Amino acid sequence: MRFPKITLTSAAALALTQAWAAAASLSINNVTQRDVDCSFDRGCSVLGVSLSSDNLQFYMHGNGAQITTRTRVGGAGSFAAGRTGYQFRIDLTAANLNGECIRGMVFGFQPIDTIVYGGSASQVYVITSGAPGTVAPTSVRTITSNLVEIEFGRPLCPGESSYEIGMSTSMGTPTRAPVWLLIAGPVPIMQTTARVP
């Protein structure tokens, strides 16, 4: 039997726990896919989106669980001009049904820019119409100067996927890097990868 890959040391886990106490909430807009397209392109084009997928590296979820990341660069004259947008979705629709549920995720992402999504400015957007997903976050917050935590309103379980959750930055380029998933089970933190700035 393969066991989950956990590279977070006890000291690092303690540091994360302490950081959560000083977390700062980020503003969130619920939007449609077209709202996002119009934020990144003056003509609301869907072109220029890059999709990548990373399988979750845990034995209990099987080979069907993944994190998808969509990236796109804001077009000239758009609200997101000069910035790169990242949309994250945890997809457990094809996961082993005996796998653990996921409460949230933590990853490196700074700075997060405030942009107009769906008619009003926010730091984070959630696509609740026009894209897949059923489970929404209740909060997105910074827990250190360069770490972001997404917390779901209820655990995301096998057979489900999260909505697409997006944010933008003027710094960095898409790079595959560690992501920590918060598990509703006996092993509270597990590591995988996704594309982040």
N, C-alpha and C. Protein backbone atom coordinates (compact mmCIF):
# COMPACT_ATOMS: atom_id res chain seq x y z
N MET A 1 0.84 -1.20 0.00
CA MET A 1 0.00 0.00 0.00
C MET A 1 0.87 1.24 0.00
N ARG A 2 0.55 2.23 -0.87
CA ARG A 2 1.25 3.51 -0.86
C ARG A 2 0.60 4.45 0.12
N PHE A 3 1.41 5.20 0.80
CA PHE A 3 0.89 6.17 1.76
C PHE A 3 1.06 7.58 1.22
N PRO A 4 0.26 8.52 1.73
CA PRO A 4 0.33 9.89 1.24
C PRO A 4 1.70 10.49 1.41
N LYS A 5 2.10 11.32 0.44
CA LYS A 5 3.35 12.04 0.55
C LYS A 5 3.14 13.26 1.41
N ILE A 6 3.79 13.30 2.56
CA ILE A 6 3.65 14.43 3.48
C ILE A 6 5.05 14.96 3.75
N THR A 7 5.37 16.14 3.26
CA THR A 7 6.71 16.68 3.43
C THR A 7 6.73 17.85 4.41
N LEU A 8 5.59 18.22 4.91
CA LEU A 8 5.50 19.31 5.89
C LEU A 8 6.03 18.81 7.23
N THR A 9 7.08 19.45 7.76
CA THR A 9 7.61 19.06 9.05
C THR A 9 6.67 19.51 10.16
N SER A 10 6.86 18.93 11.37
CA SER A 10 6.00 19.32 12.48
C SER A 10 6.19 20.80 12.80
N ALA A 11 7.42 21.31 12.63
CA ALA A 11 7.67 22.72 12.89
C ALA A 11 6.95 23.59 11.88
N ALA A 12 6.96 23.15 10.60
CA ALA A 12 6.27 23.92 9.56
C ALA A 12 4.77 23.88 9.78
N ALA A 13 4.24 22.73 10.17
CA ALA A 13 2.81 22.62 10.44
C ALA A 13 2.42 23.53 11.60
N LEU A 14 3.26 23.61 12.63
CA LEU A 14 2.99 24.50 13.75
C LEU A 14 3.01 25.96 13.30
N ALA A 15 3.97 26.30 12.43
CA ALA A 15 4.04 27.67 11.92
C ALA A 15 2.79 28.03 11.15
N LEU A 16 2.28 27.09 10.34
CA LEU A 16 1.04 27.33 9.61
C LEU A 16 -0.12 27.56 10.57
N THR A 17 -0.19 26.73 11.61
CA THR A 17 -1.28 26.86 12.58
C THR A 17 -1.25 28.22 13.26
N GLN A 18 -0.05 28.67 13.62
CA GLN A 18 0.08 29.97 14.26
C GLN A 18 -0.27 31.10 13.30
N ALA A 19 0.10 30.93 12.02
CA ALA A 19 -0.19 31.97 11.03
C ALA A 19 -1.68 32.14 10.81
N TRP A 20 -2.45 31.04 10.87
CA TRP A 20 -3.89 31.13 10.65
C TRP A 20 -4.57 32.09 11.63
N ALA A 21 -3.99 32.19 12.85
CA ALA A 21 -4.59 33.07 13.85
C ALA A 21 -4.53 34.53 13.41
N ALA A 22 -3.55 34.87 12.54
CA ALA A 22 -3.39 36.26 12.10
C ALA A 22 -3.80 36.43 10.64
N ALA A 23 -4.60 35.53 10.11
CA ALA A 23 -4.97 35.56 8.70
C ALA A 23 -5.82 36.79 8.37
N ALA A 24 -5.66 37.27 7.13
CA ALA A 24 -6.43 38.42 6.64
C ALA A 24 -7.34 37.96 5.51
N SER A 25 -8.64 38.22 5.64
CA SER A 25 -9.60 37.78 4.63
C SER A 25 -9.48 38.61 3.35
N LEU A 26 -9.71 37.95 2.22
CA LEU A 26 -9.69 38.60 0.92
C LEU A 26 -11.13 38.77 0.41
N SER A 27 -11.36 39.81 -0.37
CA SER A 27 -12.69 40.06 -0.92
C SER A 27 -12.98 39.08 -2.05
N ILE A 28 -14.24 38.62 -2.15
CA ILE A 28 -14.64 37.60 -3.12
C ILE A 28 -15.87 38.08 -3.88
N ASN A 29 -15.89 37.89 -5.20
CA ASN A 29 -17.07 38.10 -6.02
C ASN A 29 -17.50 36.77 -6.63
N ASN A 30 -18.79 36.46 -6.59
CA ASN A 30 -19.34 35.34 -7.34
C ASN A 30 -19.69 35.85 -8.73
N VAL A 31 -19.18 35.18 -9.77
CA VAL A 31 -19.31 35.70 -11.12
C VAL A 31 -19.67 34.57 -12.09
N THR A 32 -19.92 34.94 -13.34
CA THR A 32 -20.11 33.97 -14.41
C THR A 32 -18.80 33.84 -15.19
N GLN A 33 -18.72 32.79 -16.01
CA GLN A 33 -17.53 32.64 -16.85
C GLN A 33 -17.37 33.83 -17.79
N ARG A 34 -18.48 34.32 -18.32
CA ARG A 34 -18.39 35.47 -19.23
C ARG A 34 -17.88 36.71 -18.51
N ASP A 35 -18.27 36.90 -17.26
CA ASP A 35 -17.74 38.03 -16.49
C ASP A 35 -16.21 38.00 -16.48
N VAL A 36 -15.66 36.80 -16.26
CA VAL A 36 -14.20 36.65 -16.20
C VAL A 36 -13.59 36.93 -17.57
N ASP A 37 -14.20 36.36 -18.62
CA ASP A 37 -13.70 36.60 -19.97
C ASP A 37 -13.64 38.10 -20.27
N CYS A 38 -14.66 38.83 -19.83
CA CYS A 38 -14.71 40.27 -20.10
C CYS A 38 -13.71 41.05 -19.24
N SER A 39 -13.31 40.51 -18.09
CA SER A 39 -12.29 41.17 -17.28
C SER A 39 -10.91 41.06 -17.91
N PHE A 40 -10.68 39.98 -18.66
CA PHE A 40 -9.36 39.73 -19.24
C PHE A 40 -9.25 40.13 -20.71
N ASP A 41 -10.38 40.43 -21.34
CA ASP A 41 -10.34 40.80 -22.75
C ASP A 41 -11.48 41.79 -23.03
N ARG A 42 -11.18 42.89 -23.68
CA ARG A 42 -12.21 43.92 -23.93
C ARG A 42 -13.34 43.38 -24.81
N GLY A 43 -13.04 42.39 -25.65
CA GLY A 43 -14.06 41.79 -26.48
C GLY A 43 -14.67 40.54 -25.88
N CYS A 44 -14.31 40.24 -24.62
CA CYS A 44 -14.83 39.07 -23.89
C CYS A 44 -14.46 37.76 -24.57
N SER A 45 -13.29 37.72 -25.21
CA SER A 45 -12.84 36.51 -25.90
C SER A 45 -12.46 35.42 -24.90
N VAL A 46 -12.64 34.17 -25.30
CA VAL A 46 -12.23 33.02 -24.47
C VAL A 46 -10.87 32.50 -24.91
N LEU A 47 -10.24 33.15 -25.87
CA LEU A 47 -8.95 32.69 -26.38
C LEU A 47 -7.82 33.02 -25.39
N GLY A 48 -6.72 32.30 -25.51
CA GLY A 48 -5.54 32.58 -24.71
C GLY A 48 -5.51 31.94 -23.34
N VAL A 49 -6.41 30.98 -23.09
CA VAL A 49 -6.44 30.29 -21.80
C VAL A 49 -5.59 29.03 -21.87
N SER A 50 -4.70 28.85 -20.91
CA SER A 50 -3.86 27.65 -20.83
C SER A 50 -4.33 26.79 -19.67
N LEU A 51 -4.53 25.49 -19.92
CA LEU A 51 -5.03 24.56 -18.91
C LEU A 51 -3.96 23.54 -18.55
N SER A 52 -3.76 23.33 -17.25
CA SER A 52 -2.87 22.27 -16.79
C SER A 52 -3.57 21.48 -15.69
N SER A 53 -3.20 20.21 -15.54
CA SER A 53 -3.80 19.34 -14.53
C SER A 53 -2.70 18.64 -13.75
N ASP A 54 -2.89 18.51 -12.46
CA ASP A 54 -1.97 17.78 -11.59
C ASP A 54 -2.77 16.75 -10.81
N ASN A 55 -2.38 15.48 -10.92
CA ASN A 55 -3.06 14.43 -10.17
C ASN A 55 -2.73 14.55 -8.69
N LEU A 56 -3.73 14.34 -7.85
CA LEU A 56 -3.48 14.33 -6.41
C LEU A 56 -2.67 13.08 -6.07
N GLN A 57 -1.64 13.25 -5.29
CA GLN A 57 -0.66 12.19 -5.07
C GLN A 57 -0.97 11.37 -3.80
N PHE A 58 -2.24 10.99 -3.63
CA PHE A 58 -2.63 10.25 -2.43
C PHE A 58 -3.25 8.93 -2.85
N TYR A 59 -2.85 7.86 -2.21
CA TYR A 59 -3.33 6.54 -2.61
C TYR A 59 -4.83 6.40 -2.47
N MET A 60 -5.46 7.05 -1.48
CA MET A 60 -6.88 6.78 -1.23
C MET A 60 -7.81 7.41 -2.27
N HIS A 61 -7.31 8.40 -3.01
CA HIS A 61 -8.15 9.02 -4.02
C HIS A 61 -8.03 8.34 -5.39
N GLY A 62 -7.07 7.42 -5.55
CA GLY A 62 -6.88 6.78 -6.84
C GLY A 62 -6.27 7.73 -7.85
N ASN A 63 -6.39 7.39 -9.13
CA ASN A 63 -5.77 8.19 -10.18
C ASN A 63 -6.71 9.22 -10.79
N GLY A 64 -7.96 9.30 -10.30
CA GLY A 64 -8.93 10.17 -10.94
C GLY A 64 -9.09 11.53 -10.31
N ALA A 65 -8.36 11.83 -9.26
CA ALA A 65 -8.50 13.11 -8.57
C ALA A 65 -7.41 14.07 -9.04
N GLN A 66 -7.77 15.34 -9.24
CA GLN A 66 -6.78 16.28 -9.76
C GLN A 66 -7.10 17.71 -9.38
N ILE A 67 -6.08 18.55 -9.48
CA ILE A 67 -6.24 20.00 -9.41
C ILE A 67 -6.01 20.54 -10.82
N THR A 68 -6.94 21.33 -11.33
CA THR A 68 -6.74 21.98 -12.62
C THR A 68 -6.45 23.46 -12.39
N THR A 69 -5.57 23.99 -13.21
CA THR A 69 -5.22 25.41 -13.16
C THR A 69 -5.36 26.00 -14.55
N ARG A 70 -6.17 27.03 -14.67
CA ARG A 70 -6.28 27.77 -15.93
C ARG A 70 -5.56 29.11 -15.75
N THR A 71 -4.70 29.43 -16.68
CA THR A 71 -3.99 30.71 -16.63
C THR A 71 -4.27 31.50 -17.91
N ARG A 72 -4.27 32.82 -17.77
CA ARG A 72 -4.45 33.69 -18.94
C ARG A 72 -3.88 35.05 -18.61
N VAL A 73 -3.43 35.74 -19.64
CA VAL A 73 -2.84 37.07 -19.48
C VAL A 73 -3.87 38.11 -19.90
N GLY A 74 -4.02 39.15 -19.09
CA GLY A 74 -4.97 40.20 -19.40
C GLY A 74 -4.60 40.95 -20.67
N GLY A 75 -5.57 41.15 -21.56
CA GLY A 75 -5.33 41.85 -22.81
C GLY A 75 -5.22 43.35 -22.63
N ALA A 76 -4.65 44.01 -23.62
CA ALA A 76 -4.50 45.47 -23.57
C ALA A 76 -5.86 46.14 -23.42
N GLY A 77 -5.92 47.10 -22.49
CA GLY A 77 -7.15 47.85 -22.27
C GLY A 77 -8.18 47.15 -21.41
N SER A 78 -7.91 45.91 -20.98
CA SER A 78 -8.85 45.18 -20.13
C SER A 78 -8.62 45.53 -18.66
N PHE A 79 -9.55 45.12 -17.80
CA PHE A 79 -9.38 45.34 -16.36
C PHE A 79 -8.13 44.62 -15.84
N ALA A 80 -7.78 43.49 -16.47
CA ALA A 80 -6.65 42.68 -16.02
C ALA A 80 -5.38 42.92 -16.82
N ALA A 81 -5.31 44.00 -17.56
CA ALA A 81 -4.13 44.28 -18.38
C ALA A 81 -2.86 44.28 -17.52
N GLY A 82 -1.82 43.60 -18.02
CA GLY A 82 -0.55 43.54 -17.30
C GLY A 82 -0.50 42.51 -16.20
N ARG A 83 -1.55 41.69 -16.08
CA ARG A 83 -1.61 40.71 -15.00
C ARG A 83 -1.88 39.31 -15.57
N THR A 84 -1.51 38.31 -14.81
CA THR A 84 -1.82 36.93 -15.15
C THR A 84 -2.86 36.41 -14.18
N GLY A 85 -3.93 35.83 -14.71
CA GLY A 85 -4.98 35.26 -13.88
C GLY A 85 -4.79 33.76 -13.71
N TYR A 86 -5.15 33.27 -12.54
CA TYR A 86 -5.06 31.84 -12.21
C TYR A 86 -6.43 31.38 -11.69
N GLN A 87 -6.96 30.32 -12.27
CA GLN A 87 -8.21 29.72 -11.81
C GLN A 87 -7.93 28.29 -11.34
N PHE A 88 -8.27 28.00 -10.10
CA PHE A 88 -8.02 26.69 -9.51
C PHE A 88 -9.33 25.94 -9.31
N ARG A 89 -9.29 24.63 -9.58
CA ARG A 89 -10.44 23.77 -9.29
C ARG A 89 -9.94 22.42 -8.81
N ILE A 90 -10.45 21.96 -7.67
CA ILE A 90 -10.16 20.61 -7.20
C ILE A 90 -11.27 19.70 -7.72
N ASP A 91 -10.89 18.70 -8.51
CA ASP A 91 -11.85 17.84 -9.18
C ASP A 91 -11.75 16.42 -8.64
N LEU A 92 -12.75 16.00 -7.85
CA LEU A 92 -12.81 14.65 -7.30
C LEU A 92 -13.92 13.83 -7.95
N THR A 93 -14.41 14.27 -9.11
CA THR A 93 -15.55 13.58 -9.71
C THR A 93 -15.22 12.15 -10.11
N ALA A 94 -13.94 11.88 -10.43
CA ALA A 94 -13.54 10.52 -10.82
C ALA A 94 -12.66 9.86 -9.77
N ALA A 95 -12.67 10.40 -8.55
CA ALA A 95 -11.82 9.86 -7.48
C ALA A 95 -12.43 8.60 -6.87
N ASN A 96 -11.59 7.83 -6.21
CA ASN A 96 -12.05 6.68 -5.43
C ASN A 96 -13.05 7.17 -4.38
N LEU A 97 -14.24 6.57 -4.36
CA LEU A 97 -15.29 7.03 -3.45
C LEU A 97 -14.95 6.80 -1.99
N ASN A 98 -13.92 6.00 -1.70
CA ASN A 98 -13.49 5.78 -0.31
C ASN A 98 -12.46 6.82 0.14
N GLY A 99 -12.11 7.74 -0.74
CA GLY A 99 -11.11 8.74 -0.40
C GLY A 99 -11.62 9.75 0.61
N GLU A 100 -10.69 10.45 1.22
CA GLU A 100 -11.04 11.46 2.22
C GLU A 100 -11.59 12.72 1.56
N CYS A 101 -12.40 13.46 2.30
CA CYS A 101 -12.90 14.75 1.84
C CYS A 101 -11.85 15.83 2.10
N ILE A 102 -11.95 16.92 1.37
CA ILE A 102 -10.97 18.00 1.44
C ILE A 102 -11.65 19.26 1.96
N ARG A 103 -11.05 19.87 2.98
CA ARG A 103 -11.62 21.08 3.59
C ARG A 103 -11.13 22.37 2.95
N GLY A 104 -9.96 22.31 2.31
CA GLY A 104 -9.41 23.52 1.73
C GLY A 104 -8.03 23.27 1.17
N MET A 105 -7.36 24.34 0.77
CA MET A 105 -6.01 24.23 0.22
C MET A 105 -5.20 25.47 0.57
N VAL A 106 -3.87 25.29 0.63
CA VAL A 106 -2.94 26.37 0.95
C VAL A 106 -1.85 26.37 -0.12
N PHE A 107 -1.48 27.55 -0.62
CA PHE A 107 -0.47 27.63 -1.66
C PHE A 107 0.17 29.02 -1.66
N GLY A 108 1.33 29.12 -2.29
CA GLY A 108 2.01 30.40 -2.39
C GLY A 108 1.42 31.25 -3.49
N PHE A 109 1.10 32.52 -3.18
CA PHE A 109 0.53 33.42 -4.19
C PHE A 109 0.57 34.84 -3.67
N GLN A 110 1.48 35.65 -4.17
CA GLN A 110 1.54 37.06 -3.79
C GLN A 110 2.25 37.83 -4.88
N PRO A 111 1.91 39.10 -5.07
CA PRO A 111 0.76 39.78 -4.48
C PRO A 111 -0.52 39.47 -5.24
N ILE A 112 -1.67 39.59 -4.58
CA ILE A 112 -2.96 39.42 -5.23
C ILE A 112 -3.52 40.81 -5.55
N ASP A 113 -3.78 41.04 -6.83
CA ASP A 113 -4.26 42.35 -7.25
C ASP A 113 -5.78 42.45 -7.17
N THR A 114 -6.27 43.63 -6.89
CA THR A 114 -7.71 43.90 -6.89
C THR A 114 -8.12 44.33 -8.29
N ILE A 115 -9.09 43.60 -8.88
CA ILE A 115 -9.51 43.83 -10.26
C ILE A 115 -11.03 43.80 -10.30
N VAL A 116 -11.61 44.44 -11.30
CA VAL A 116 -13.06 44.38 -11.50
C VAL A 116 -13.42 43.04 -12.14
N TYR A 117 -14.18 42.26 -11.39
CA TYR A 117 -14.73 41.00 -11.89
C TYR A 117 -16.26 41.09 -11.75
N GLY A 118 -16.98 40.94 -12.82
CA GLY A 118 -18.43 40.95 -12.74
C GLY A 118 -19.02 42.26 -12.29
N GLY A 119 -18.35 43.36 -12.62
CA GLY A 119 -18.91 44.68 -12.35
C GLY A 119 -18.45 45.34 -11.07
N SER A 120 -17.74 44.62 -10.20
CA SER A 120 -17.23 45.25 -8.98
C SER A 120 -15.85 44.69 -8.65
N ALA A 121 -15.08 45.48 -7.93
CA ALA A 121 -13.69 45.12 -7.67
C ALA A 121 -13.57 44.12 -6.53
N SER A 122 -12.69 43.15 -6.71
CA SER A 122 -12.40 42.19 -5.64
C SER A 122 -11.03 41.58 -5.88
N GLN A 123 -10.54 40.85 -4.88
CA GLN A 123 -9.25 40.17 -5.00
C GLN A 123 -9.41 38.75 -5.52
N VAL A 124 -10.57 38.16 -5.29
CA VAL A 124 -10.82 36.75 -5.65
C VAL A 124 -12.17 36.67 -6.33
N TYR A 125 -12.29 35.76 -7.30
CA TYR A 125 -13.60 35.50 -7.91
C TYR A 125 -13.89 34.00 -7.88
N VAL A 126 -15.17 33.67 -7.82
CA VAL A 126 -15.64 32.28 -7.86
C VAL A 126 -16.65 32.17 -8.99
N ILE A 127 -16.40 31.27 -9.93
CA ILE A 127 -17.29 31.12 -11.09
C ILE A 127 -18.41 30.16 -10.71
N THR A 128 -19.57 30.70 -10.44
CA THR A 128 -20.72 29.90 -10.01
C THR A 128 -21.70 29.63 -11.14
N SER A 129 -21.41 30.15 -12.34
CA SER A 129 -22.28 29.92 -13.50
C SER A 129 -21.43 29.91 -14.76
N GLY A 130 -21.66 28.91 -15.62
CA GLY A 130 -20.93 28.82 -16.87
C GLY A 130 -19.65 28.02 -16.81
N ALA A 131 -19.40 27.38 -15.69
CA ALA A 131 -18.21 26.54 -15.52
C ALA A 131 -18.57 25.41 -14.55
N PRO A 132 -17.82 24.30 -14.55
CA PRO A 132 -18.17 23.17 -13.68
C PRO A 132 -17.94 23.47 -12.21
N GLY A 133 -18.55 22.64 -11.36
CA GLY A 133 -18.32 22.75 -9.92
C GLY A 133 -19.60 22.88 -9.13
N THR A 134 -19.53 22.47 -7.85
CA THR A 134 -20.70 22.55 -6.97
C THR A 134 -20.35 23.05 -5.57
N VAL A 135 -19.08 23.00 -5.19
CA VAL A 135 -18.69 23.36 -3.82
C VAL A 135 -17.92 24.68 -3.84
N ALA A 136 -18.40 25.65 -3.06
CA ALA A 136 -17.83 27.00 -3.05
C ALA A 136 -17.01 27.23 -1.79
N PRO A 137 -16.05 28.15 -1.86
CA PRO A 137 -15.33 28.53 -0.64
C PRO A 137 -16.16 29.49 0.21
N THR A 138 -15.99 29.39 1.53
CA THR A 138 -16.59 30.40 2.40
C THR A 138 -15.60 31.51 2.69
N SER A 139 -14.31 31.21 2.56
CA SER A 139 -13.32 32.25 2.79
C SER A 139 -12.06 31.97 1.99
N VAL A 140 -11.40 33.05 1.59
CA VAL A 140 -10.06 33.00 1.01
C VAL A 140 -9.27 34.04 1.77
N ARG A 141 -8.11 33.68 2.29
CA ARG A 141 -7.38 34.60 3.13
C ARG A 141 -5.88 34.40 3.01
N THR A 142 -5.13 35.43 3.31
CA THR A 142 -3.68 35.32 3.39
C THR A 142 -3.33 34.91 4.82
N ILE A 143 -2.46 33.90 4.92
CA ILE A 143 -2.09 33.43 6.25
C ILE A 143 -0.64 33.75 6.60
N THR A 144 0.16 34.13 5.59
CA THR A 144 1.47 34.73 5.80
C THR A 144 1.64 35.74 4.67
N SER A 145 2.82 36.33 4.55
CA SER A 145 3.04 37.32 3.51
C SER A 145 2.95 36.72 2.11
N ASN A 146 3.11 35.40 1.97
CA ASN A 146 3.06 34.82 0.62
C ASN A 146 2.28 33.51 0.54
N LEU A 147 1.44 33.22 1.54
CA LEU A 147 0.61 32.02 1.50
C LEU A 147 -0.87 32.39 1.53
N VAL A 148 -1.65 31.67 0.73
CA VAL A 148 -3.10 31.88 0.65
C VAL A 148 -3.80 30.60 1.04
N GLU A 149 -4.87 30.73 1.82
CA GLU A 149 -5.70 29.57 2.18
C GLU A 149 -7.10 29.74 1.60
N ILE A 150 -7.58 28.70 0.93
CA ILE A 150 -8.98 28.62 0.49
C ILE A 150 -9.68 27.62 1.40
N GLU A 151 -10.79 28.03 2.00
CA GLU A 151 -11.56 27.15 2.88
C GLU A 151 -12.95 26.97 2.30
N PHE A 152 -13.36 25.72 2.12
CA PHE A 152 -14.67 25.43 1.55
C PHE A 152 -15.76 25.52 2.60
N GLY A 153 -16.98 25.83 2.13
CA GLY A 153 -18.11 25.94 3.04
C GLY A 153 -18.47 24.62 3.69
N ARG A 154 -18.22 23.54 2.99
CA ARG A 154 -18.37 22.19 3.54
C ARG A 154 -17.29 21.34 2.89
N PRO A 155 -16.94 20.20 3.47
CA PRO A 155 -15.90 19.37 2.86
C PRO A 155 -16.25 18.96 1.44
N LEU A 156 -15.24 19.02 0.57
CA LEU A 156 -15.36 18.58 -0.82
C LEU A 156 -15.02 17.10 -0.85
N CYS A 157 -15.97 16.27 -1.26
CA CYS A 157 -15.83 14.82 -1.14
C CYS A 157 -15.74 14.15 -2.51
N PRO A 158 -15.23 12.91 -2.57
CA PRO A 158 -15.18 12.17 -3.83
C PRO A 158 -16.54 12.16 -4.53
N GLY A 159 -16.51 12.35 -5.86
CA GLY A 159 -17.73 12.48 -6.64
C GLY A 159 -18.12 13.92 -6.91
N GLU A 160 -17.40 14.89 -6.30
CA GLU A 160 -17.72 16.30 -6.44
C GLU A 160 -16.50 17.07 -6.97
N SER A 161 -16.73 18.32 -7.33
CA SER A 161 -15.62 19.22 -7.62
C SER A 161 -15.94 20.59 -7.06
N SER A 162 -14.91 21.37 -6.82
CA SER A 162 -15.12 22.74 -6.39
C SER A 162 -15.48 23.60 -7.59
N TYR A 163 -16.04 24.77 -7.32
CA TYR A 163 -16.13 25.78 -8.37
C TYR A 163 -14.72 26.22 -8.73
N GLU A 164 -14.59 26.92 -9.86
CA GLU A 164 -13.30 27.48 -10.22
C GLU A 164 -13.11 28.77 -9.42
N ILE A 165 -11.95 28.87 -8.78
CA ILE A 165 -11.64 29.97 -7.88
C ILE A 165 -10.44 30.71 -8.46
N GLY A 166 -10.59 32.01 -8.71
CA GLY A 166 -9.55 32.72 -9.42
C GLY A 166 -9.01 33.94 -8.70
N MET A 167 -7.79 34.31 -9.08
CA MET A 167 -7.13 35.52 -8.58
C MET A 167 -6.05 35.90 -9.58
N SER A 168 -5.57 37.12 -9.50
CA SER A 168 -4.62 37.63 -10.50
C SER A 168 -3.45 38.32 -9.82
N THR A 169 -2.33 38.35 -10.55
CA THR A 169 -1.14 39.00 -10.04
C THR A 169 -0.33 39.58 -11.19
N SER A 170 0.43 40.61 -10.89
CA SER A 170 1.33 41.21 -11.88
C SER A 170 2.74 40.67 -11.74
N MET A 171 2.94 39.73 -10.82
CA MET A 171 4.28 39.21 -10.54
C MET A 171 4.37 37.74 -10.91
N GLY A 172 5.58 37.30 -11.26
CA GLY A 172 5.85 35.88 -11.45
C GLY A 172 5.31 35.32 -12.75
N THR A 173 5.66 34.07 -13.02
CA THR A 173 5.17 33.32 -14.17
C THR A 173 4.65 31.97 -13.68
N PRO A 174 3.70 31.35 -14.42
CA PRO A 174 3.15 30.06 -13.96
C PRO A 174 4.24 29.00 -13.79
N THR A 175 4.31 28.45 -12.58
CA THR A 175 5.33 27.45 -12.24
C THR A 175 4.70 26.37 -11.38
N ARG A 176 5.04 25.12 -11.64
CA ARG A 176 4.51 24.03 -10.81
C ARG A 176 5.21 24.05 -9.46
N ALA A 177 4.42 24.11 -8.39
CA ALA A 177 4.97 24.27 -7.05
C ALA A 177 4.09 23.53 -6.04
N PRO A 178 4.58 23.35 -4.81
CA PRO A 178 3.80 22.62 -3.80
C PRO A 178 2.49 23.32 -3.45
N VAL A 179 1.46 22.51 -3.21
CA VAL A 179 0.16 22.94 -2.70
C VAL A 179 -0.20 22.00 -1.58
N TRP A 180 -0.71 22.53 -0.47
CA TRP A 180 -1.09 21.70 0.67
C TRP A 180 -2.60 21.63 0.77
N LEU A 181 -3.13 20.43 0.76
CA LEU A 181 -4.57 20.23 0.90
C LEU A 181 -4.90 19.93 2.35
N LEU A 182 -5.98 20.53 2.85
CA LEU A 182 -6.44 20.33 4.22
C LEU A 182 -7.49 19.23 4.19
N ILE A 183 -7.20 18.13 4.85
CA ILE A 183 -7.99 16.91 4.73
C ILE A 183 -8.92 16.74 5.93
N ALA A 184 -10.16 16.33 5.67
CA ALA A 184 -11.10 16.01 6.74
C ALA A 184 -10.91 14.54 7.11
N GLY A 185 -9.81 14.23 7.76
CA GLY A 185 -9.48 12.84 8.10
C GLY A 185 -8.33 12.78 9.07
N PRO A 186 -7.76 11.59 9.29
CA PRO A 186 -6.73 11.41 10.31
C PRO A 186 -5.41 12.09 9.97
N VAL A 187 -5.11 12.30 8.68
CA VAL A 187 -3.91 13.03 8.27
C VAL A 187 -4.36 14.40 7.79
N PRO A 188 -4.17 15.46 8.59
CA PRO A 188 -4.83 16.74 8.30
C PRO A 188 -4.26 17.52 7.13
N ILE A 189 -2.98 17.33 6.78
CA ILE A 189 -2.35 18.11 5.71
C ILE A 189 -1.62 17.16 4.77
N MET A 190 -1.88 17.28 3.48
CA MET A 190 -1.19 16.48 2.47
C MET A 190 -0.71 17.38 1.35
N GLN A 191 0.42 17.00 0.75
CA GLN A 191 1.03 17.85 -0.27
C GLN A 191 0.82 17.30 -1.67
N THR A 192 0.55 18.21 -2.61
CA THR A 192 0.51 17.88 -4.02
C THR A 192 1.15 19.05 -4.76
N THR A 193 0.86 19.22 -6.05
CA THR A 193 1.41 20.34 -6.81
C THR A 193 0.33 20.97 -7.68
N ALA A 194 0.56 22.22 -8.08
CA ALA A 194 -0.28 22.93 -9.03
C ALA A 194 0.54 24.08 -9.58
N ARG A 195 0.02 24.73 -10.61
CA ARG A 195 0.73 25.87 -11.19
C ARG A 195 0.33 27.14 -10.46
N VAL A 196 1.32 27.84 -9.94
CA VAL A 196 1.12 29.09 -9.20
C VAL A 196 2.18 30.08 -9.68
N PRO A 197 2.05 31.37 -9.30
CA PRO A 197 3.08 32.35 -9.73
C PRO A 197 4.46 32.04 -9.17
